[in-house]
Amino acid sequence: MAQILTALYLLAMLAAGWRLFGLGWSRGAKLAAAFGLVCPVPLLVLLPGLIHPERPFADLLSAIGLALLACGALCLAGGVSAAWLRARRR
C-alpha cells in the first residue's frame, strides 16, 4: 500500500509540473504553487521525526521525508521540463 501511495504522489507531482508550465501565472506564483504542492506530503512524514528525535525510527522517518521531498521536487521539475520540451517542438 505504501508503494502505491508513493507512486501516486510522484505521478501527481509529474502531472502538476506539466500543468503548472501551461498556466499563464507569473514565475513567483508558479514557484509558490509548486512549493505548496510538493511540501505537504513529505512534511507529514518528516516532522514527527524532527519533533521527537529520541523516539525509535525517528532517523528513518526523517530520511523517508527528505527522500520524498527531493523526489517530489524532481518529479515536478521533470513535468515542467517535459512540457517545455514539448512546447518547444511545436
Protein backbone atom coordinates (compact mmCIF):
# COMPACT_ATOMS: atom_id res chain seq x y z
CA MET A 1 0.00 0.00 0.00
CA ALA A 2 2.83 2.41 0.83
CA GLN A 3 4.46 1.83 -2.55
CA ILE A 4 1.19 2.59 -4.34
CA LEU A 5 0.71 5.84 -2.42
CA THR A 6 4.30 6.86 -3.10
CA ALA A 7 3.91 6.15 -6.80
CA LEU A 8 0.64 8.09 -6.92
CA TYR A 9 2.28 11.05 -5.16
CA LEU A 10 5.17 11.09 -7.63
CA LEU A 11 2.85 10.77 -10.64
CA ALA A 12 0.71 13.60 -9.26
CA MET A 13 3.82 15.79 -8.95
CA LEU A 14 4.77 14.97 -12.53
CA ALA A 15 1.30 15.94 -13.75
CA ALA A 16 1.30 19.08 -11.58
CA GLY A 17 4.62 20.19 -13.07
CA TRP A 18 3.27 19.62 -16.56
CA ARG A 19 0.15 21.64 -15.75
CA LEU A 20 1.99 24.45 -13.97
CA PHE A 21 4.07 25.11 -17.08
CA GLY A 22 0.94 25.72 -19.12
CA LEU A 23 -0.56 28.31 -16.78
CA GLY A 24 -0.15 31.98 -17.53
CA TRP A 25 0.87 32.87 -13.98
CA SER A 26 3.96 34.82 -13.03
CA ARG A 27 7.10 32.89 -12.17
CA GLY A 28 6.76 33.73 -8.46
CA ALA A 29 3.19 32.43 -8.34
CA LYS A 30 4.25 29.23 -10.09
CA LEU A 31 7.09 28.70 -7.59
CA ALA A 32 4.77 29.32 -4.65
CA ALA A 33 2.24 26.85 -6.06
CA ALA A 34 4.97 24.28 -6.68
CA PHE A 35 6.23 24.69 -3.11
CA GLY A 36 2.68 24.29 -1.81
CA LEU A 37 2.15 21.15 -3.87
CA VAL A 38 5.42 19.39 -3.07
CA CYS A 39 5.78 20.04 0.66
CA PRO A 40 2.64 18.77 2.49
CA VAL A 41 3.01 15.01 1.98
CA PRO A 42 6.73 14.77 2.87
CA LEU A 43 6.22 17.02 5.89
CA LEU A 44 3.66 14.56 7.27
CA VAL A 45 6.48 12.03 7.49
CA LEU A 46 9.38 14.39 8.20
CA LEU A 47 8.00 16.47 11.07
CA PRO A 48 7.35 13.65 13.58
CA GLY A 49 10.94 12.53 13.20
CA LEU A 50 12.26 16.05 13.70
CA ILE A 51 9.98 16.93 16.61
CA HIS A 52 10.73 13.75 18.59
CA PRO A 53 14.27 12.66 17.67
CA GLU A 54 14.51 10.43 20.75
CA ARG A 55 11.77 8.08 19.55
CA PRO A 56 12.64 4.87 17.73
CA PHE A 57 12.79 5.14 13.94
CA ALA A 58 12.95 8.97 14.05
CA ASP A 59 16.00 8.92 11.80
CA LEU A 60 14.21 6.61 9.36
CA LEU A 61 11.19 8.92 9.27
CA SER A 62 13.44 11.90 8.62
CA ALA A 63 15.24 10.07 5.82
CA ILE A 64 11.99 8.99 4.18
CA GLY A 65 10.58 12.51 4.44
CA LEU A 66 13.67 14.07 2.88
CA ALA A 67 13.68 11.46 0.11
CA LEU A 68 10.01 12.15 -0.64
CA LEU A 69 10.67 15.88 -0.68
CA ALA A 70 13.59 15.52 -3.08
CA CYS A 71 11.82 13.04 -5.36
CA GLY A 72 8.64 15.13 -5.42
CA ALA A 73 10.63 18.22 -6.41
CA LEU A 74 12.46 16.24 -9.10
CA CYS A 75 9.20 14.86 -10.48
CA LEU A 76 7.67 18.34 -10.54
CA ALA A 77 10.73 19.66 -12.35
CA GLY A 78 10.56 16.71 -14.74
CA GLY A 79 6.96 17.56 -15.59
CA VAL A 80 7.91 21.18 -16.23
CA SER A 81 10.83 20.20 -18.44
CA ALA A 82 8.74 17.68 -20.40
CA ALA A 83 6.07 20.30 -21.05
CA TRP A 84 8.74 22.83 -22.00
CA LEU A 85 10.36 20.42 -24.47
CA ARG A 86 7.01 19.56 -25.99
CA ALA A 87 6.07 23.24 -26.37
CA ARG A 88 9.46 23.98 -27.92
CA ARG A 89 9.00 21.24 -30.52
CA ARG A 90 5.67 22.66 -31.69
